């Protein structure tokens, strides 16, 4: 990654509104590097990770179109805890390399690196100059995910249970976006942080 790149890490629990916040930053001209999108590209038909995944897990986790069969992979990971680690062993180095490449080549005042499990991964914290956490009460997280995904509340809470606790994310944050309100409130907070990050990025360039 370029030493000159000013990188802001953006994270938050499921249903917190990371994607909505990232879209607002993108509207302001920020370069957004989203590790979820990179992972989906790697596991799409003819994705760079698919040959290694097929070799590691067999054809049972490959969909008809050649992409990763996510339900089959989830079921396998549930039955075999090591399967998830093996999948991460394939994907994580590729995601890191591609996210580094995108950060390095970004043409923008600063880069927003969106990592859903940034706190949990540990390694990403050293790659960002600021850590911004999108936060809201857990009940709102559950309500949002249930309404958009069709999952039951207990399933959403099970996902939340393996993520960092809300208090852990807040303790690690340099900046917090309160996304318990509406879109105009979110937009106002993003605009304020954008001004701050522009100033910090300019400061870094001047060093």
N, C-alpha and C. Protein backbone atom coordinates (compact mmCIF):
# COMPACT_ATOMS: atom_id res chain seq x y z
N UNK A 1 0.84 -1.19 0.00
CA UNK A 1 0.00 0.00 0.00
C UNK A 1 0.88 1.25 0.00
N UNK A 2 0.47 2.22 -0.76
CA UNK A 2 1.23 3.46 -0.79
C UNK A 2 1.30 4.10 0.58
N UNK A 3 2.52 4.56 0.96
CA UNK A 3 2.66 5.20 2.25
C UNK A 3 1.92 6.54 2.30
N UNK A 4 1.65 7.10 1.12
CA UNK A 4 0.98 8.39 1.07
C UNK A 4 -0.54 8.27 1.21
N UNK A 5 -1.07 7.07 1.03
CA UNK A 5 -2.52 6.90 1.08
C UNK A 5 -3.03 7.09 2.52
N UNK A 6 -3.99 7.97 2.69
CA UNK A 6 -4.65 8.12 3.99
C UNK A 6 -5.86 7.20 3.95
N UNK A 7 -5.86 6.21 4.81
CA UNK A 7 -6.90 5.18 4.78
C UNK A 7 -7.73 5.21 6.05
N UNK A 8 -9.04 5.31 5.88
CA UNK A 8 -9.99 5.25 6.99
C UNK A 8 -10.66 3.89 6.95
N UNK A 9 -10.57 3.15 8.04
CA UNK A 9 -11.27 1.87 8.13
C UNK A 9 -12.70 2.10 8.59
N UNK A 10 -13.65 1.48 7.90
CA UNK A 10 -15.06 1.59 8.27
C UNK A 10 -15.58 0.20 8.63
N UNK A 11 -16.18 0.09 9.81
CA UNK A 11 -16.71 -1.20 10.23
C UNK A 11 -17.96 -0.98 11.07
N UNK A 12 -18.57 -2.09 11.47
CA UNK A 12 -19.79 -2.05 12.28
C UNK A 12 -20.44 -3.41 12.26
N UNK A 13 -21.29 -3.68 13.21
CA UNK A 13 -21.96 -4.97 13.27
C UNK A 13 -22.98 -5.14 12.16
N UNK A 14 -23.44 -6.36 11.97
CA UNK A 14 -24.46 -6.64 10.96
C UNK A 14 -25.70 -5.76 11.22
N UNK A 15 -26.22 -5.15 10.16
CA UNK A 15 -27.40 -4.31 10.30
C UNK A 15 -27.14 -2.92 10.84
N UNK A 16 -25.87 -2.56 11.04
CA UNK A 16 -25.56 -1.24 11.60
C UNK A 16 -25.69 -0.13 10.55
N UNK A 17 -25.54 -0.49 9.29
CA UNK A 17 -25.65 0.51 8.23
C UNK A 17 -24.32 0.89 7.61
N UNK A 18 -23.35 -0.03 7.63
CA UNK A 18 -22.05 0.24 7.01
C UNK A 18 -22.19 0.60 5.54
N UNK A 19 -22.99 -0.17 4.83
CA UNK A 19 -23.12 0.05 3.39
C UNK A 19 -23.73 1.41 3.09
N UNK A 20 -24.74 1.79 3.86
CA UNK A 20 -25.37 3.10 3.65
C UNK A 20 -24.37 4.22 3.90
N UNK A 21 -23.58 4.09 4.94
CA UNK A 21 -22.56 5.10 5.23
C UNK A 21 -21.51 5.14 4.13
N UNK A 22 -21.07 3.98 3.68
CA UNK A 22 -20.05 3.91 2.63
C UNK A 22 -20.55 4.57 1.35
N UNK A 23 -21.83 4.36 1.02
CA UNK A 23 -22.40 4.98 -0.18
C UNK A 23 -22.39 6.50 -0.07
N UNK A 24 -22.65 7.02 1.12
CA UNK A 24 -22.65 8.47 1.31
C UNK A 24 -21.23 9.02 1.18
N UNK A 25 -20.24 8.30 1.69
CA UNK A 25 -18.85 8.73 1.51
C UNK A 25 -18.50 8.72 0.02
N UNK A 26 -18.94 7.67 -0.69
CA UNK A 26 -18.64 7.57 -2.12
C UNK A 26 -19.24 8.75 -2.89
N UNK A 27 -20.43 9.18 -2.50
CA UNK A 27 -21.08 10.33 -3.15
C UNK A 27 -20.25 11.60 -3.01
N UNK A 28 -19.43 11.65 -1.96
CA UNK A 28 -18.59 12.82 -1.70
C UNK A 28 -17.23 12.72 -2.41
N UNK A 29 -17.05 11.67 -3.20
CA UNK A 29 -15.81 11.53 -3.98
C UNK A 29 -14.73 10.71 -3.32
N UNK A 30 -15.08 10.01 -2.27
CA UNK A 30 -14.10 9.16 -1.57
C UNK A 30 -13.95 7.84 -2.33
N UNK A 31 -12.74 7.31 -2.36
CA UNK A 31 -12.51 5.99 -2.95
C UNK A 31 -12.89 4.93 -1.92
N UNK A 32 -13.89 4.11 -2.25
CA UNK A 32 -14.35 3.07 -1.32
C UNK A 32 -13.82 1.72 -1.77
N UNK A 33 -13.10 1.06 -0.87
CA UNK A 33 -12.59 -0.29 -1.12
C UNK A 33 -13.33 -1.22 -0.15
N UNK A 34 -14.19 -2.07 -0.69
CA UNK A 34 -15.09 -2.89 0.12
C UNK A 34 -14.64 -4.35 0.07
N UNK A 35 -14.20 -4.88 1.19
CA UNK A 35 -13.68 -6.26 1.20
C UNK A 35 -14.77 -7.29 0.93
N UNK A 36 -16.02 -6.98 1.26
CA UNK A 36 -17.12 -7.89 0.93
C UNK A 36 -17.28 -8.02 -0.58
N UNK A 37 -17.21 -6.89 -1.28
CA UNK A 37 -17.33 -6.92 -2.74
C UNK A 37 -16.17 -7.69 -3.36
N UNK A 38 -14.99 -7.51 -2.79
CA UNK A 38 -13.83 -8.24 -3.29
C UNK A 38 -14.04 -9.74 -3.10
N UNK A 39 -14.54 -10.13 -1.92
CA UNK A 39 -14.79 -11.56 -1.65
C UNK A 39 -15.80 -12.14 -2.63
N UNK A 40 -16.85 -11.37 -2.94
CA UNK A 40 -17.86 -11.85 -3.89
C UNK A 40 -17.27 -12.00 -5.29
N UNK A 41 -16.39 -11.07 -5.67
CA UNK A 41 -15.75 -11.18 -6.99
C UNK A 41 -14.84 -12.40 -7.05
N UNK A 42 -14.14 -12.69 -5.97
CA UNK A 42 -13.24 -13.84 -5.93
C UNK A 42 -13.99 -15.16 -6.03
N UNK A 43 -15.25 -15.17 -5.55
CA UNK A 43 -16.03 -16.42 -5.51
C UNK A 43 -17.15 -16.43 -6.54
N UNK A 44 -17.10 -15.49 -7.49
CA UNK A 44 -18.05 -15.47 -8.60
C UNK A 44 -17.64 -16.51 -9.63
N UNK A 45 -18.47 -16.77 -10.66
CA UNK A 45 -18.04 -17.67 -11.72
C UNK A 45 -16.70 -17.22 -12.31
N UNK A 46 -15.76 -18.14 -12.40
CA UNK A 46 -14.41 -17.87 -12.88
C UNK A 46 -13.64 -16.91 -11.96
N UNK A 47 -14.10 -16.75 -10.72
CA UNK A 47 -13.39 -15.93 -9.75
C UNK A 47 -12.03 -16.54 -9.43
N UNK A 48 -11.10 -15.68 -9.01
CA UNK A 48 -9.72 -16.12 -8.81
C UNK A 48 -9.57 -17.17 -7.71
N UNK A 49 -10.54 -17.25 -6.79
CA UNK A 49 -10.42 -18.20 -5.69
C UNK A 49 -11.09 -19.54 -5.97
N UNK A 50 -11.84 -19.64 -7.06
CA UNK A 50 -12.70 -20.81 -7.24
C UNK A 50 -11.92 -22.11 -7.48
N UNK A 51 -10.80 -22.04 -8.18
CA UNK A 51 -10.03 -23.27 -8.42
C UNK A 51 -9.52 -23.85 -7.11
N UNK A 52 -9.01 -22.97 -6.24
CA UNK A 52 -8.50 -23.44 -4.95
C UNK A 52 -9.63 -23.95 -4.06
N UNK A 53 -10.79 -23.31 -4.13
CA UNK A 53 -11.94 -23.75 -3.32
C UNK A 53 -12.41 -25.12 -3.79
N UNK A 54 -12.48 -25.31 -5.11
CA UNK A 54 -12.90 -26.62 -5.64
C UNK A 54 -11.92 -27.71 -5.21
N UNK A 55 -10.64 -27.39 -5.26
CA UNK A 55 -9.62 -28.37 -4.88
C UNK A 55 -9.71 -28.72 -3.40
N UNK A 56 -10.02 -27.71 -2.57
CA UNK A 56 -10.06 -27.93 -1.12
C UNK A 56 -11.33 -28.63 -0.65
N UNK A 57 -12.46 -28.31 -1.31
CA UNK A 57 -13.75 -28.78 -0.78
C UNK A 57 -14.55 -29.66 -1.74
N UNK A 58 -14.13 -29.74 -2.99
CA UNK A 58 -14.84 -30.58 -3.94
C UNK A 58 -15.97 -29.85 -4.64
N UNK A 59 -16.62 -30.54 -5.56
CA UNK A 59 -17.66 -29.94 -6.40
C UNK A 59 -18.93 -29.63 -5.62
N UNK A 60 -19.07 -30.20 -4.43
CA UNK A 60 -20.30 -30.02 -3.65
C UNK A 60 -20.56 -28.59 -3.22
N UNK A 61 -19.52 -27.75 -3.20
CA UNK A 61 -19.70 -26.35 -2.80
C UNK A 61 -19.67 -25.41 -4.00
N UNK A 62 -19.74 -25.98 -5.21
CA UNK A 62 -19.72 -25.17 -6.43
C UNK A 62 -21.11 -25.15 -7.03
N UNK A 63 -21.65 -23.97 -7.28
CA UNK A 63 -22.97 -23.83 -7.89
C UNK A 63 -22.89 -24.15 -9.38
N UNK A 64 -24.05 -24.29 -10.02
CA UNK A 64 -24.11 -24.65 -11.43
C UNK A 64 -23.39 -23.64 -12.31
N UNK A 65 -23.41 -22.38 -11.92
CA UNK A 65 -22.79 -21.35 -12.75
C UNK A 65 -21.28 -21.21 -12.49
N UNK A 66 -20.76 -22.05 -11.59
CA UNK A 66 -19.33 -22.01 -11.30
C UNK A 66 -18.94 -21.12 -10.13
N UNK A 67 -19.92 -20.49 -9.52
CA UNK A 67 -19.64 -19.65 -8.36
C UNK A 67 -19.67 -20.49 -7.08
N UNK A 68 -19.31 -19.87 -5.97
CA UNK A 68 -19.39 -20.57 -4.68
C UNK A 68 -20.84 -20.75 -4.30
N UNK A 69 -21.21 -21.98 -3.95
CA UNK A 69 -22.55 -22.27 -3.44
C UNK A 69 -22.54 -21.93 -1.94
N UNK A 70 -22.98 -20.73 -1.62
CA UNK A 70 -22.85 -20.23 -0.25
C UNK A 70 -23.64 -21.07 0.77
N UNK A 71 -24.89 -21.44 0.48
CA UNK A 71 -25.61 -22.29 1.45
C UNK A 71 -24.88 -23.61 1.71
N UNK A 72 -24.34 -24.22 0.66
CA UNK A 72 -23.61 -25.48 0.83
C UNK A 72 -22.34 -25.26 1.65
N UNK A 73 -21.67 -24.14 1.40
CA UNK A 73 -20.44 -23.85 2.15
C UNK A 73 -20.76 -23.58 3.61
N UNK A 74 -21.85 -22.84 3.86
CA UNK A 74 -22.26 -22.57 5.25
C UNK A 74 -22.57 -23.87 5.98
N UNK A 75 -23.29 -24.77 5.30
CA UNK A 75 -23.64 -26.05 5.91
C UNK A 75 -22.39 -26.87 6.23
N UNK A 76 -21.44 -26.85 5.31
CA UNK A 76 -20.19 -27.58 5.53
C UNK A 76 -19.42 -26.99 6.70
N UNK A 77 -19.37 -25.68 6.77
CA UNK A 77 -18.65 -25.01 7.86
C UNK A 77 -19.31 -25.28 9.20
N UNK A 78 -20.65 -25.42 9.19
CA UNK A 78 -21.37 -25.74 10.43
C UNK A 78 -21.01 -27.14 10.91
N UNK A 79 -20.91 -28.08 9.98
CA UNK A 79 -20.58 -29.46 10.33
C UNK A 79 -19.11 -29.62 10.69
N UNK A 80 -18.26 -28.85 10.02
CA UNK A 80 -16.81 -29.00 10.18
C UNK A 80 -16.19 -27.63 10.44
N UNK A 81 -15.91 -27.31 11.71
CA UNK A 81 -15.36 -25.99 12.05
C UNK A 81 -14.06 -25.68 11.31
N UNK A 82 -13.31 -26.70 10.97
CA UNK A 82 -12.05 -26.47 10.25
C UNK A 82 -12.29 -26.00 8.83
N UNK A 83 -13.48 -26.30 8.28
CA UNK A 83 -13.77 -25.91 6.90
C UNK A 83 -13.76 -24.39 6.76
N UNK A 84 -14.31 -23.72 7.73
CA UNK A 84 -14.32 -22.27 7.68
C UNK A 84 -12.90 -21.71 7.70
N UNK A 85 -12.05 -22.30 8.54
CA UNK A 85 -10.66 -21.84 8.62
C UNK A 85 -9.93 -22.08 7.30
N UNK A 86 -10.22 -23.21 6.67
CA UNK A 86 -9.57 -23.50 5.38
C UNK A 86 -10.05 -22.52 4.31
N UNK A 87 -11.34 -22.20 4.33
CA UNK A 87 -11.87 -21.24 3.37
C UNK A 87 -11.24 -19.86 3.59
N UNK A 88 -11.15 -19.47 4.85
CA UNK A 88 -10.53 -18.18 5.17
C UNK A 88 -9.06 -18.18 4.76
N UNK A 89 -8.39 -19.32 4.90
CA UNK A 89 -7.00 -19.43 4.50
C UNK A 89 -6.81 -19.20 3.00
N UNK A 90 -7.83 -19.56 2.22
CA UNK A 90 -7.78 -19.31 0.78
C UNK A 90 -8.12 -17.86 0.47
N UNK A 91 -9.22 -17.38 1.06
CA UNK A 91 -9.75 -16.08 0.68
C UNK A 91 -9.00 -14.89 1.28
N UNK A 92 -8.64 -14.98 2.55
CA UNK A 92 -8.11 -13.79 3.22
C UNK A 92 -6.84 -13.22 2.58
N UNK A 93 -5.86 -14.06 2.21
CA UNK A 93 -4.68 -13.47 1.55
C UNK A 93 -5.04 -12.80 0.22
N UNK A 94 -5.99 -13.37 -0.52
CA UNK A 94 -6.42 -12.79 -1.79
C UNK A 94 -7.14 -11.46 -1.56
N UNK A 95 -8.00 -11.44 -0.55
CA UNK A 95 -8.74 -10.21 -0.23
C UNK A 95 -7.78 -9.12 0.19
N UNK A 96 -6.81 -9.49 1.01
CA UNK A 96 -5.84 -8.49 1.47
C UNK A 96 -5.04 -7.93 0.30
N UNK A 97 -4.57 -8.82 -0.58
CA UNK A 97 -3.76 -8.37 -1.71
C UNK A 97 -4.56 -7.45 -2.62
N UNK A 98 -5.81 -7.82 -2.90
CA UNK A 98 -6.62 -6.99 -3.79
C UNK A 98 -7.02 -5.67 -3.14
N UNK A 99 -7.33 -5.69 -1.85
CA UNK A 99 -7.69 -4.45 -1.17
C UNK A 99 -6.48 -3.52 -1.09
N UNK A 100 -5.30 -4.08 -0.88
CA UNK A 100 -4.07 -3.27 -0.90
C UNK A 100 -3.86 -2.65 -2.27
N UNK A 101 -4.08 -3.45 -3.32
CA UNK A 101 -3.90 -2.94 -4.68
C UNK A 101 -4.86 -1.77 -4.95
N UNK A 102 -6.13 -1.94 -4.55
CA UNK A 102 -7.12 -0.90 -4.79
C UNK A 102 -6.82 0.36 -3.99
N UNK A 103 -6.36 0.19 -2.75
CA UNK A 103 -5.99 1.36 -1.95
C UNK A 103 -4.81 2.09 -2.58
N UNK A 104 -3.86 1.31 -3.09
CA UNK A 104 -2.65 1.89 -3.67
C UNK A 104 -2.95 2.68 -4.93
N UNK A 105 -3.90 2.20 -5.74
CA UNK A 105 -4.17 2.83 -7.05
C UNK A 105 -5.31 3.85 -6.99
N UNK A 106 -5.93 4.01 -5.83
CA UNK A 106 -7.09 4.92 -5.71
C UNK A 106 -6.70 6.36 -6.05
N UNK A 107 -7.55 7.01 -6.83
CA UNK A 107 -7.36 8.41 -7.17
C UNK A 107 -8.39 9.23 -6.41
N UNK A 108 -8.09 9.55 -5.19
CA UNK A 108 -9.03 10.28 -4.33
C UNK A 108 -8.25 10.89 -3.17
N UNK A 109 -8.83 11.89 -2.49
CA UNK A 109 -8.13 12.51 -1.35
C UNK A 109 -7.80 11.51 -0.24
N UNK A 110 -8.67 10.53 -0.04
CA UNK A 110 -8.40 9.47 0.92
C UNK A 110 -9.23 8.24 0.55
N UNK A 111 -8.92 7.14 1.20
CA UNK A 111 -9.56 5.86 0.90
C UNK A 111 -10.39 5.40 2.10
N UNK A 112 -11.58 4.89 1.83
CA UNK A 112 -12.42 4.28 2.86
C UNK A 112 -12.34 2.76 2.67
N UNK A 113 -11.72 2.08 3.60
CA UNK A 113 -11.56 0.62 3.53
C UNK A 113 -12.65 -0.01 4.40
N UNK A 114 -13.63 -0.63 3.76
CA UNK A 114 -14.79 -1.18 4.46
C UNK A 114 -14.52 -2.65 4.77
N UNK A 115 -14.44 -2.96 6.07
CA UNK A 115 -14.14 -4.33 6.52
C UNK A 115 -15.15 -4.71 7.60
N UNK A 116 -16.13 -5.56 7.28
CA UNK A 116 -17.15 -5.91 8.28
C UNK A 116 -16.58 -6.42 9.59
N UNK A 117 -15.54 -7.25 9.52
CA UNK A 117 -14.96 -7.83 10.74
C UNK A 117 -13.59 -7.23 11.04
N UNK A 118 -13.48 -5.92 10.89
CA UNK A 118 -12.19 -5.26 11.08
C UNK A 118 -11.68 -5.43 12.50
N UNK A 119 -12.54 -5.26 13.48
CA UNK A 119 -12.12 -5.41 14.88
C UNK A 119 -11.69 -6.85 15.15
N UNK A 120 -12.48 -7.79 14.62
CA UNK A 120 -12.22 -9.20 14.90
C UNK A 120 -10.94 -9.70 14.23
N UNK A 121 -10.63 -9.17 13.05
CA UNK A 121 -9.49 -9.70 12.30
C UNK A 121 -8.15 -9.29 12.90
N UNK A 122 -8.11 -8.13 13.53
CA UNK A 122 -6.87 -7.71 14.16
C UNK A 122 -5.87 -7.11 13.19
N UNK A 123 -5.62 -7.78 12.07
CA UNK A 123 -4.56 -7.35 11.16
C UNK A 123 -4.89 -6.05 10.44
N UNK A 124 -6.16 -5.77 10.21
CA UNK A 124 -6.52 -4.58 9.44
C UNK A 124 -6.26 -3.29 10.21
N UNK A 125 -6.26 -3.36 11.53
CA UNK A 125 -6.13 -2.12 12.32
C UNK A 125 -4.82 -1.41 12.02
N UNK A 126 -3.78 -2.18 11.73
CA UNK A 126 -2.50 -1.56 11.43
C UNK A 126 -2.41 -0.96 10.05
N UNK A 127 -3.44 -1.17 9.23
CA UNK A 127 -3.42 -0.67 7.84
C UNK A 127 -4.21 0.61 7.67
N UNK A 128 -4.84 1.10 8.73
CA UNK A 128 -5.67 2.30 8.62
C UNK A 128 -5.18 3.38 9.58
N UNK A 129 -5.35 4.63 9.16
CA UNK A 129 -4.95 5.75 10.00
C UNK A 129 -6.06 6.16 10.97
N UNK A 130 -7.31 5.90 10.57
CA UNK A 130 -8.45 6.17 11.46
C UNK A 130 -9.40 4.99 11.38
N UNK A 131 -10.08 4.73 12.49
CA UNK A 131 -11.08 3.66 12.51
C UNK A 131 -12.45 4.27 12.83
N UNK A 132 -13.35 4.16 11.88
CA UNK A 132 -14.70 4.70 12.05
C UNK A 132 -15.69 3.54 12.23
N UNK A 133 -16.45 3.58 13.30
CA UNK A 133 -17.42 2.53 13.60
C UNK A 133 -18.84 3.08 13.39
N UNK A 134 -19.62 2.37 12.59
CA UNK A 134 -21.03 2.69 12.42
C UNK A 134 -21.79 1.92 13.50
N UNK A 135 -22.55 2.65 14.31
CA UNK A 135 -23.14 2.05 15.51
C UNK A 135 -24.64 2.32 15.59
N UNK A 136 -25.36 1.40 16.18
CA UNK A 136 -26.76 1.60 16.55
C UNK A 136 -27.11 0.56 17.61
N UNK A 137 -28.21 0.75 18.35
CA UNK A 137 -28.60 -0.25 19.35
C UNK A 137 -28.83 -1.62 18.72
N UNK A 138 -28.55 -2.67 19.49
CA UNK A 138 -28.63 -4.03 18.95
C UNK A 138 -30.04 -4.39 18.49
N UNK A 139 -31.07 -3.88 19.17
CA UNK A 139 -32.44 -4.18 18.75
C UNK A 139 -32.71 -3.65 17.34
N UNK A 140 -32.13 -2.50 17.03
CA UNK A 140 -32.30 -1.93 15.69
C UNK A 140 -31.55 -2.78 14.66
N UNK A 141 -30.36 -3.25 15.03
CA UNK A 141 -29.62 -4.15 14.14
C UNK A 141 -30.48 -5.36 13.77
N UNK A 142 -31.06 -5.99 14.78
CA UNK A 142 -31.86 -7.19 14.56
C UNK A 142 -33.06 -6.86 13.67
N UNK A 143 -33.74 -5.78 13.98
CA UNK A 143 -34.93 -5.39 13.22
C UNK A 143 -34.60 -5.16 11.74
N UNK A 144 -33.49 -4.48 11.48
CA UNK A 144 -33.10 -4.19 10.09
C UNK A 144 -32.78 -5.47 9.33
N UNK A 145 -32.02 -6.36 9.96
CA UNK A 145 -31.61 -7.58 9.25
C UNK A 145 -32.80 -8.49 9.01
N UNK A 146 -33.69 -8.60 9.97
CA UNK A 146 -34.89 -9.42 9.80
C UNK A 146 -35.72 -8.90 8.64
N UNK A 147 -35.89 -7.59 8.56
CA UNK A 147 -36.75 -7.01 7.53
C UNK A 147 -36.17 -7.15 6.13
N UNK A 148 -34.82 -7.17 6.02
CA UNK A 148 -34.22 -7.20 4.68
C UNK A 148 -33.84 -8.61 4.22
N UNK A 149 -33.66 -9.53 5.17
CA UNK A 149 -33.10 -10.83 4.80
C UNK A 149 -34.07 -11.99 4.95
N UNK A 150 -35.10 -11.82 5.77
CA UNK A 150 -36.01 -12.93 6.02
C UNK A 150 -35.53 -13.87 7.10
N UNK A 151 -34.36 -13.60 7.67
CA UNK A 151 -33.87 -14.42 8.79
C UNK A 151 -34.73 -14.15 10.02
N UNK A 152 -34.77 -15.11 10.92
CA UNK A 152 -35.48 -14.90 12.18
C UNK A 152 -34.55 -14.19 13.16
N UNK A 153 -35.16 -13.53 14.15
CA UNK A 153 -34.40 -12.74 15.11
C UNK A 153 -33.34 -13.58 15.81
N UNK A 154 -33.67 -14.82 16.14
CA UNK A 154 -32.69 -15.67 16.84
C UNK A 154 -31.49 -15.97 15.95
N UNK A 155 -31.73 -16.09 14.63
CA UNK A 155 -30.63 -16.33 13.70
C UNK A 155 -29.72 -15.11 13.61
N UNK A 156 -30.33 -13.93 13.59
CA UNK A 156 -29.54 -12.70 13.52
C UNK A 156 -28.70 -12.55 14.78
N UNK A 157 -29.30 -12.84 15.93
CA UNK A 157 -28.55 -12.72 17.18
C UNK A 157 -27.42 -13.74 17.25
N UNK A 158 -27.60 -14.90 16.62
CA UNK A 158 -26.53 -15.90 16.57
C UNK A 158 -25.35 -15.37 15.75
N UNK A 159 -25.64 -14.66 14.66
CA UNK A 159 -24.58 -14.05 13.86
C UNK A 159 -23.87 -12.98 14.68
N UNK A 160 -24.66 -12.16 15.37
CA UNK A 160 -24.09 -11.09 16.19
C UNK A 160 -23.20 -11.65 17.30
N UNK A 161 -23.54 -12.83 17.79
CA UNK A 161 -22.80 -13.42 18.91
C UNK A 161 -21.36 -13.76 18.54
N UNK A 162 -21.09 -14.01 17.24
CA UNK A 162 -19.73 -14.35 16.83
C UNK A 162 -18.96 -13.12 16.35
N UNK A 163 -19.64 -11.98 16.30
CA UNK A 163 -18.97 -10.73 15.98
C UNK A 163 -18.49 -10.07 17.27
N UNK A 164 -17.65 -9.05 17.10
CA UNK A 164 -17.19 -8.30 18.28
C UNK A 164 -18.40 -7.69 18.98
N UNK A 165 -18.31 -7.59 20.29
CA UNK A 165 -19.40 -6.95 21.03
C UNK A 165 -19.42 -5.46 20.70
N UNK A 166 -20.61 -4.89 20.84
CA UNK A 166 -20.78 -3.47 20.55
C UNK A 166 -19.79 -2.62 21.34
N UNK A 167 -19.61 -2.95 22.61
CA UNK A 167 -18.70 -2.19 23.47
C UNK A 167 -17.26 -2.28 22.97
N UNK A 168 -16.89 -3.44 22.44
CA UNK A 168 -15.53 -3.62 21.92
C UNK A 168 -15.29 -2.73 20.70
N UNK A 169 -16.28 -2.68 19.80
CA UNK A 169 -16.14 -1.83 18.62
C UNK A 169 -16.02 -0.37 19.02
N UNK A 170 -16.88 0.06 19.94
CA UNK A 170 -16.87 1.46 20.35
C UNK A 170 -15.56 1.82 21.05
N UNK A 171 -15.02 0.89 21.82
CA UNK A 171 -13.76 1.15 22.52
C UNK A 171 -12.60 1.29 21.54
N UNK A 172 -12.68 0.60 20.41
CA UNK A 172 -11.59 0.63 19.43
C UNK A 172 -11.69 1.82 18.47
N UNK A 173 -12.86 2.47 18.44
CA UNK A 173 -13.13 3.48 17.42
C UNK A 173 -12.39 4.79 17.67
N UNK A 174 -11.92 5.40 16.57
CA UNK A 174 -11.48 6.79 16.61
C UNK A 174 -12.66 7.72 16.41
N UNK A 175 -13.60 7.28 15.57
CA UNK A 175 -14.80 8.05 15.25
C UNK A 175 -16.00 7.12 15.25
N UNK A 176 -17.14 7.64 15.68
CA UNK A 176 -18.36 6.84 15.73
C UNK A 176 -19.47 7.54 14.97
N UNK A 177 -20.14 6.80 14.10
CA UNK A 177 -21.33 7.29 13.40
C UNK A 177 -22.54 6.65 14.07
N UNK A 178 -23.41 7.48 14.62
CA UNK A 178 -24.64 6.98 15.26
C UNK A 178 -25.70 6.83 14.18
N UNK A 179 -25.98 5.58 13.80
CA UNK A 179 -26.96 5.33 12.74
C UNK A 179 -28.26 4.78 13.29
N UNK A 180 -28.68 5.32 14.42
CA UNK A 180 -29.96 4.91 14.99
C UNK A 180 -31.10 5.80 14.48
N UNK A 181 -30.76 6.83 13.72
CA UNK A 181 -31.77 7.76 13.22
C UNK A 181 -32.09 7.52 11.75
N UNK A 182 -32.40 8.61 11.03
CA UNK A 182 -32.79 8.48 9.63
C UNK A 182 -31.63 8.84 8.70
N UNK A 183 -31.88 8.76 7.40
CA UNK A 183 -30.83 8.99 6.41
C UNK A 183 -30.28 10.42 6.45
N UNK A 184 -31.12 11.45 6.59
CA UNK A 184 -30.54 12.80 6.68
C UNK A 184 -29.58 12.97 7.86
N UNK A 185 -29.88 12.33 8.98
CA UNK A 185 -28.98 12.39 10.13
C UNK A 185 -27.66 11.69 9.83
N UNK A 186 -27.76 10.55 9.14
CA UNK A 186 -26.55 9.82 8.75
C UNK A 186 -25.73 10.66 7.78
N UNK A 187 -26.40 11.27 6.82
CA UNK A 187 -25.71 12.08 5.82
C UNK A 187 -24.95 13.24 6.48
N UNK A 188 -25.58 13.87 7.47
CA UNK A 188 -24.95 15.00 8.16
C UNK A 188 -23.68 14.57 8.88
N UNK A 189 -23.74 13.41 9.54
CA UNK A 189 -22.56 12.91 10.26
C UNK A 189 -21.43 12.55 9.30
N UNK A 190 -21.80 11.91 8.18
CA UNK A 190 -20.80 11.54 7.18
C UNK A 190 -20.13 12.79 6.62
N UNK A 191 -20.91 13.83 6.36
CA UNK A 191 -20.35 15.07 5.82
C UNK A 191 -19.35 15.68 6.80
N UNK A 192 -19.67 15.64 8.09
CA UNK A 192 -18.76 16.18 9.10
C UNK A 192 -17.46 15.40 9.17
N UNK A 193 -17.57 14.08 9.12
CA UNK A 193 -16.37 13.24 9.16
C UNK A 193 -15.55 13.42 7.90
N UNK A 194 -16.23 13.58 6.78
CA UNK A 194 -15.53 13.79 5.51
C UNK A 194 -14.65 15.04 5.58
N UNK A 195 -15.17 16.09 6.13
CA UNK A 195 -14.37 17.32 6.27
C UNK A 195 -13.15 17.05 7.17
N UNK A 196 -13.35 16.30 8.24
CA UNK A 196 -12.25 15.99 9.15
C UNK A 196 -11.19 15.15 8.45
N UNK A 197 -11.64 14.14 7.68
CA UNK A 197 -10.69 13.25 7.02
C UNK A 197 -9.93 13.97 5.91
N UNK A 198 -10.58 14.89 5.22
CA UNK A 198 -9.89 15.69 4.20
C UNK A 198 -8.76 16.48 4.85
N UNK A 199 -9.05 17.06 5.98
CA UNK A 199 -8.03 17.86 6.69
C UNK A 199 -6.88 16.97 7.16
N UNK A 200 -7.20 15.79 7.70
CA UNK A 200 -6.16 14.88 8.16
C UNK A 200 -5.33 14.35 7.01
N UNK A 201 -5.98 14.07 5.88
CA UNK A 201 -5.26 13.58 4.71
C UNK A 201 -4.31 14.66 4.19
N UNK A 202 -4.77 15.89 4.16
CA UNK A 202 -3.93 17.02 3.70
C UNK A 202 -2.75 17.21 4.64
N UNK A 203 -3.02 17.06 5.92
CA UNK A 203 -1.97 17.17 6.94
C UNK A 203 -0.89 16.11 6.70
N UNK A 204 -1.34 14.89 6.41
CA UNK A 204 -0.41 13.77 6.20
C UNK A 204 0.46 14.03 4.95
N UNK A 205 -0.15 14.58 3.91
CA UNK A 205 0.59 14.86 2.68
C UNK A 205 1.66 15.92 2.93
N UNK A 206 1.36 16.81 3.90
CA UNK A 206 2.29 17.89 4.16
C UNK A 206 3.46 17.51 5.03
N UNK A 207 3.36 16.30 5.62
CA UNK A 207 4.45 15.86 6.52
C UNK A 207 5.71 15.55 5.73
